[in-house]
Amino acid sequence: MTQPSDAKHILTQIDICCEWATRVGLLSSNPFNQLVDAEEWNCVTEDIESTNTIS
């Protein structure tokens, strides 16, 4: 099962690739920049983790 931390790790890696692509001129902006750094991400992952308990 994929955990929220796994998803954030993947998005962080995509963000890093897009940052590079922006610096070398392949992208005009990084669409993942604000998503990975968003404060709301922590709230969402906490909500998912609290409902992801096995009985």
PDB file of N, CA and C in Angstrom:
ATOM      1  N   MET A   1       0.843  -1.176   0.000  1.00  0.00           N
ATOM      2  CA  MET A   1       0.000   0.000   0.000  1.00  0.00           C
ATOM      3  C   MET A   1       0.893   1.246   0.000  1.00  0.00           C
ATOM      4  N   THR A   2       0.545   2.203  -0.806  1.00  0.00           N
ATOM      5  CA  THR A   2       1.297   3.453  -0.878  1.00  0.00           C
ATOM      6  C   THR A   2       0.927   4.348   0.296  1.00  0.00           C
ATOM      7  N   GLN A   3       1.927   4.850   0.966  1.00  0.00           N
ATOM      8  CA  GLN A   3       1.739   5.747   2.099  1.00  0.00           C
ATOM      9  C   GLN A   3       1.825   7.196   1.617  1.00  0.00           C
ATOM     10  N   PRO A   4       1.225   8.127   2.367  1.00  0.00           N
ATOM     11  CA  PRO A   4       1.325   9.544   1.992  1.00  0.00           C
ATOM     12  C   PRO A   4       2.774  10.014   1.868  1.00  0.00           C
ATOM     13  N   SER A   5       3.659   9.487   2.704  1.00  0.00           N
ATOM     14  CA  SER A   5       5.063   9.897   2.623  1.00  0.00           C
ATOM     15  C   SER A   5       5.692   9.422   1.313  1.00  0.00           C
ATOM     16  N   ASP A   6       5.242   8.265   0.792  1.00  0.00           N
ATOM     17  CA  ASP A   6       5.734   7.788  -0.505  1.00  0.00           C
ATOM     18  C   ASP A   6       5.321   8.744  -1.617  1.00  0.00           C
ATOM     19  N   ALA A   7       4.079   9.187  -1.569  1.00  0.00           N
ATOM     20  CA  ALA A   7       3.585  10.118  -2.584  1.00  0.00           C
ATOM     21  C   ALA A   7       4.348  11.433  -2.525  1.00  0.00           C
ATOM     22  N   LYS A   8       4.594  11.933  -1.314  1.00  0.00           N
ATOM     23  CA  LYS A   8       5.335  13.189  -1.188  1.00  0.00           C
ATOM     24  C   LYS A   8       6.763  13.016  -1.704  1.00  0.00           C
ATOM     25  N   HIS A   9       7.365  11.861  -1.460  1.00  0.00           N
ATOM     26  CA  HIS A   9       8.722  11.602  -1.952  1.00  0.00           C
ATOM     27  C   HIS A   9       8.747  11.644  -3.483  1.00  0.00           C
ATOM     28  N   ILE A  10       7.772  11.010  -4.111  1.00  0.00           N
ATOM     29  CA  ILE A  10       7.703  11.005  -5.575  1.00  0.00           C
ATOM     30  C   ILE A  10       7.488  12.419  -6.111  1.00  0.00           C
ATOM     31  N   LEU A  11       6.571  13.159  -5.492  1.00  0.00           N
ATOM     32  CA  LEU A  11       6.331  14.540  -5.926  1.00  0.00           C
ATOM     33  C   LEU A  11       7.570  15.411  -5.730  1.00  0.00           C
ATOM     34  N   THR A  12       8.315  15.161  -4.668  1.00  0.00           N
ATOM     35  CA  THR A  12       9.551  15.912  -4.430  1.00  0.00           C
ATOM     36  C   THR A  12      10.562  15.627  -5.532  1.00  0.00           C
ATOM     37  N   GLN A  13      10.672  14.371  -5.953  1.00  0.00           N
ATOM     38  CA  GLN A  13      11.599  14.020  -7.026  1.00  0.00           C
ATOM     39  C   GLN A  13      11.187  14.677  -8.345  1.00  0.00           C
ATOM     40  N   ILE A  14       9.882  14.690  -8.626  1.00  0.00           N
ATOM     41  CA  ILE A  14       9.390  15.362  -9.836  1.00  0.00           C
ATOM     42  C   ILE A  14       9.684  16.856  -9.754  1.00  0.00           C
ATOM     43  N   ASP A  15       9.492  17.436  -8.570  1.00  0.00           N
ATOM     44  CA  ASP A  15       9.780  18.856  -8.352  1.00  0.00           C
ATOM     45  C   ASP A  15      11.243  19.159  -8.655  1.00  0.00           C
ATOM     46  N   ILE A  16      12.140  18.309  -8.200  1.00  0.00           N
ATOM     47  CA  ILE A  16      13.576  18.502  -8.442  1.00  0.00           C
ATOM     48  C   ILE A  16      13.873  18.453  -9.941  1.00  0.00           C
ATOM     49  N   CYS A  17      13.263  17.503 -10.637  1.00  0.00           N
ATOM     50  CA  CYS A  17      13.462  17.410 -12.090  1.00  0.00           C
ATOM     51  C   CYS A  17      12.938  18.655 -12.804  1.00  0.00           C
ATOM     52  N   CYS A  18      11.781  19.133 -12.375  1.00  0.00           N
ATOM     53  CA  CYS A  18      11.202  20.329 -12.994  1.00  0.00           C
ATOM     54  C   CYS A  18      12.026  21.574 -12.687  1.00  0.00           C
ATOM     55  N   GLU A  19      12.621  21.639 -11.502  1.00  0.00           N
ATOM     56  CA  GLU A  19      13.515  22.765 -11.178  1.00  0.00           C
ATOM     57  C   GLU A  19      14.694  22.786 -12.140  1.00  0.00           C
ATOM     58  N   TRP A  20      15.274  21.622 -12.378  1.00  0.00           N
ATOM     59  CA  TRP A  20      16.387  21.526 -13.319  1.00  0.00           C
ATOM     60  C   TRP A  20      15.935  21.949 -14.720  1.00  0.00           C
ATOM     61  N   ALA A  21      14.785  21.419 -15.149  1.00  0.00           N
ATOM     62  CA  ALA A  21      14.276  21.741 -16.480  1.00  0.00           C
ATOM     63  C   ALA A  21      13.992  23.239 -16.622  1.00  0.00           C
ATOM     64  N   THR A  22      13.572  23.870 -15.544  1.00  0.00           N
ATOM     65  CA  THR A  22      13.332  25.314 -15.562  1.00  0.00           C
ATOM     66  C   THR A  22      14.652  26.066 -15.714  1.00  0.00           C
ATOM     67  N   ARG A  23      15.665  25.627 -14.973  1.00  0.00           N
ATOM     68  CA  ARG A  23      16.970  26.306 -15.043  1.00  0.00           C
ATOM     69  C   ARG A  23      17.612  26.200 -16.414  1.00  0.00           C
ATOM     70  N   VAL A  24      17.450  25.056 -17.087  1.00  0.00           N
ATOM     71  CA  VAL A  24      18.087  24.897 -18.397  1.00  0.00           C
ATOM     72  C   VAL A  24      17.191  25.348 -19.547  1.00  0.00           C
ATOM     73  N   GLY A  25      15.989  25.842 -19.228  1.00  0.00           N
ATOM     74  CA  GLY A  25      15.127  26.415 -20.244  1.00  0.00           C
ATOM     75  C   GLY A  25      14.146  25.462 -20.905  1.00  0.00           C
ATOM     76  N   LEU A  26      14.004  24.259 -20.393  1.00  0.00           N
ATOM     77  CA  LEU A  26      13.041  23.323 -20.967  1.00  0.00           C
ATOM     78  C   LEU A  26      11.611  23.595 -20.503  1.00  0.00           C
ATOM     79  N   LEU A  27      11.469  24.185 -19.322  1.00  0.00           N
ATOM     80  CA  LEU A  27      10.164  24.581 -18.791  1.00  0.00           C
ATOM     81  C   LEU A  27      10.200  26.067 -18.469  1.00  0.00           C
ATOM     82  N   SER A  28       9.066  26.729 -18.625  1.00  0.00           N
ATOM     83  CA  SER A  28       9.019  28.150 -18.268  1.00  0.00           C
ATOM     84  C   SER A  28       8.783  28.342 -16.776  1.00  0.00           C
ATOM     85  N   SER A  29       8.137  27.371 -16.132  1.00  0.00           N
ATOM     86  CA  SER A  29       7.927  27.422 -14.683  1.00  0.00           C
ATOM     87  C   SER A  29       7.752  26.000 -14.155  1.00  0.00           C
ATOM     88  N   ASN A  30       7.913  25.852 -12.854  1.00  0.00           N
ATOM     89  CA  ASN A  30       7.796  24.551 -12.210  1.00  0.00           C
ATOM     90  C   ASN A  30       6.400  24.406 -11.601  1.00  0.00           C
ATOM     91  N   PRO A  31       5.540  23.569 -12.189  1.00  0.00           N
ATOM     92  CA  PRO A  31       4.182  23.429 -11.668  1.00  0.00           C
ATOM     93  C   PRO A  31       4.116  22.700 -10.326  1.00  0.00           C
ATOM     94  N   PHE A  32       5.186  22.038  -9.928  1.00  0.00           N
ATOM     95  CA  PHE A  32       5.188  21.282  -8.677  1.00  0.00           C
ATOM     96  C   PHE A  32       5.796  22.054  -7.518  1.00  0.00           C
ATOM     97  N   ASN A  33       6.349  23.221  -7.783  1.00  0.00           N
ATOM     98  CA  ASN A  33       7.065  23.987  -6.768  1.00  0.00           C
ATOM     99  C   ASN A  33       6.219  24.261  -5.533  1.00  0.00           C
ATOM    100  N   GLN A  34       5.057  24.826  -5.702  1.00  0.00           N
ATOM    101  CA  GLN A  34       4.219  25.175  -4.558  1.00  0.00           C
ATOM    102  C   GLN A  34       3.539  23.956  -3.957  1.00  0.00           C
ATOM    103  N   LEU A  35       3.297  22.940  -4.748  1.00  0.00           N
ATOM    104  CA  LEU A  35       2.623  21.748  -4.242  1.00  0.00           C
ATOM    105  C   LEU A  35       3.468  21.022  -3.205  1.00  0.00           C
ATOM    106  N   VAL A  36       4.719  20.813  -3.488  1.00  0.00           N
ATOM    107  CA  VAL A  36       5.592  20.072  -2.580  1.00  0.00           C
ATOM    108  C   VAL A  36       5.852  20.854  -1.305  1.00  0.00           C
ATOM    109  N   ASP A  37       5.957  22.169  -1.418  1.00  0.00           N
ATOM    110  CA  ASP A  37       6.260  22.999  -0.256  1.00  0.00           C
ATOM    111  C   ASP A  37       5.018  23.451   0.508  1.00  0.00           C
ATOM    112  N   ALA A  38       3.841  23.097   0.036  1.00  0.00           N
ATOM    113  CA  ALA A  38       2.601  23.595   0.635  1.00  0.00           C
ATOM    114  C   ALA A  38       2.428  23.112   2.068  1.00  0.00           C
ATOM    115  N   GLU A  39       2.039  24.029   2.926  1.00  0.00           N
ATOM    116  CA  GLU A  39       1.774  23.701   4.331  1.00  0.00           C
ATOM    117  C   GLU A  39       0.557  22.782   4.441  1.00  0.00           C
ATOM    118  N   GLU A  40      -0.386  22.916   3.504  1.00  0.00           N
ATOM    119  CA  GLU A  40      -1.583  22.085   3.534  1.00  0.00           C
ATOM    120  C   GLU A  40      -1.244  20.612   3.376  1.00  0.00           C
ATOM    121  N   TRP A  41      -0.132  20.301   2.714  1.00  0.00           N
ATOM    122  CA  TRP A  41       0.260  18.905   2.490  1.00  0.00           C
ATOM    123  C   TRP A  41       0.370  18.174   3.817  1.00  0.00           C
ATOM    124  N   ASN A  42       0.954  18.807   4.828  1.00  0.00           N
ATOM    125  CA  ASN A  42       1.118  18.166   6.128  1.00  0.00           C
ATOM    126  C   ASN A  42      -0.229  17.853   6.758  1.00  0.00           C
ATOM    127  N   CYS A  43      -1.198  18.740   6.615  1.00  0.00           N
ATOM    128  CA  CYS A  43      -2.536  18.500   7.165  1.00  0.00           C
ATOM    129  C   CYS A  43      -3.195  17.322   6.468  1.00  0.00           C
ATOM    130  N   VAL A  44      -3.070  17.250   5.154  1.00  0.00           N
ATOM    131  CA  VAL A  44      -3.682  16.161   4.395  1.00  0.00           C
ATOM    132  C   VAL A  44      -3.062  14.832   4.778  1.00  0.00           C
ATOM    133  N   THR A  45      -1.745  14.771   4.882  1.00  0.00           N
ATOM    134  CA  THR A  45      -1.100  13.504   5.214  1.00  0.00           C
ATOM    135  C   THR A  45      -1.439  13.066   6.624  1.00  0.00           C
ATOM    136  N   GLU A  46      -1.579  14.002   7.551  1.00  0.00           N
ATOM    137  CA  GLU A  46      -1.965  13.643   8.909  1.00  0.00           C
ATOM    138  C   GLU A  46      -3.373  13.074   8.929  1.00  0.00           C
ATOM    139  N   ASP A  47      -4.290  13.664   8.148  1.00  0.00           N
ATOM    140  CA  ASP A  47      -5.659  13.155   8.072  1.00  0.00           C
ATOM    141  C   ASP A  47      -5.687  11.747   7.494  1.00  0.00           C
ATOM    142  N   ILE A  48      -4.929  11.512   6.444  1.00  0.00           N
ATOM    143  CA  ILE A  48      -4.896  10.195   5.813  1.00  0.00           C
ATOM    144  C   ILE A  48      -4.297   9.171   6.767  1.00  0.00           C
ATOM    145  N   GLU A  49      -3.206   9.526   7.420  1.00  0.00           N
ATOM    146  CA  GLU A  49      -2.564   8.598   8.338  1.00  0.00           C
ATOM    147  C   GLU A  49      -3.470   8.250   9.510  1.00  0.00           C
ATOM    148  N   SER A  50      -4.257   9.192   9.990  1.00  0.00           N
ATOM    149  CA  SER A  50      -5.133   8.914  11.124  1.00  0.00           C
ATOM    150  C   SER A  50      -6.298   8.012  10.728  1.00  0.00           C
ATOM    151  N   THR A  51      -6.700   8.009   9.461  1.00  0.00           N
ATOM    152  CA  THR A  51      -7.789   7.142   9.014  1.00  0.00           C
ATOM    153  C   THR A  51      -7.280   5.834   8.436  1.00  0.00           C
ATOM    154  N   ASN A  52      -5.982   5.663   8.353  1.00  0.00           N
ATOM    155  CA  ASN A  52      -5.371   4.486   7.756  1.00  0.00           C
ATOM    156  C   ASN A  52      -5.007   3.436   8.798  1.00  0.00           C
ATOM    157  N   THR A  53      -5.779   3.295   9.827  1.00  0.00           N
ATOM    158  CA  THR A  53      -5.471   2.323  10.869  1.00  0.00           C
ATOM    159  C   THR A  53      -6.093   0.983  10.534  1.00  0.00           C
ATOM    160  N   ILE A  54      -5.403  -0.072  10.888  1.00  0.00           N
ATOM    161  CA  ILE A  54      -5.890  -1.433  10.648  1.00  0.00           C
ATOM    162  C   ILE A  54      -6.508  -1.955  11.933  1.00  0.00           C
ATOM    163  N   SER A  55      -7.730  -2.447  11.838  1.00  0.00           N
ATOM    164  CA  SER A  55      -8.423  -2.967  13.021  1.00  0.00           C
ATOM    165  C   SER A  55      -8.237  -4.459  13.131  1.00  0.00           C
TER     166      SER A  55
END
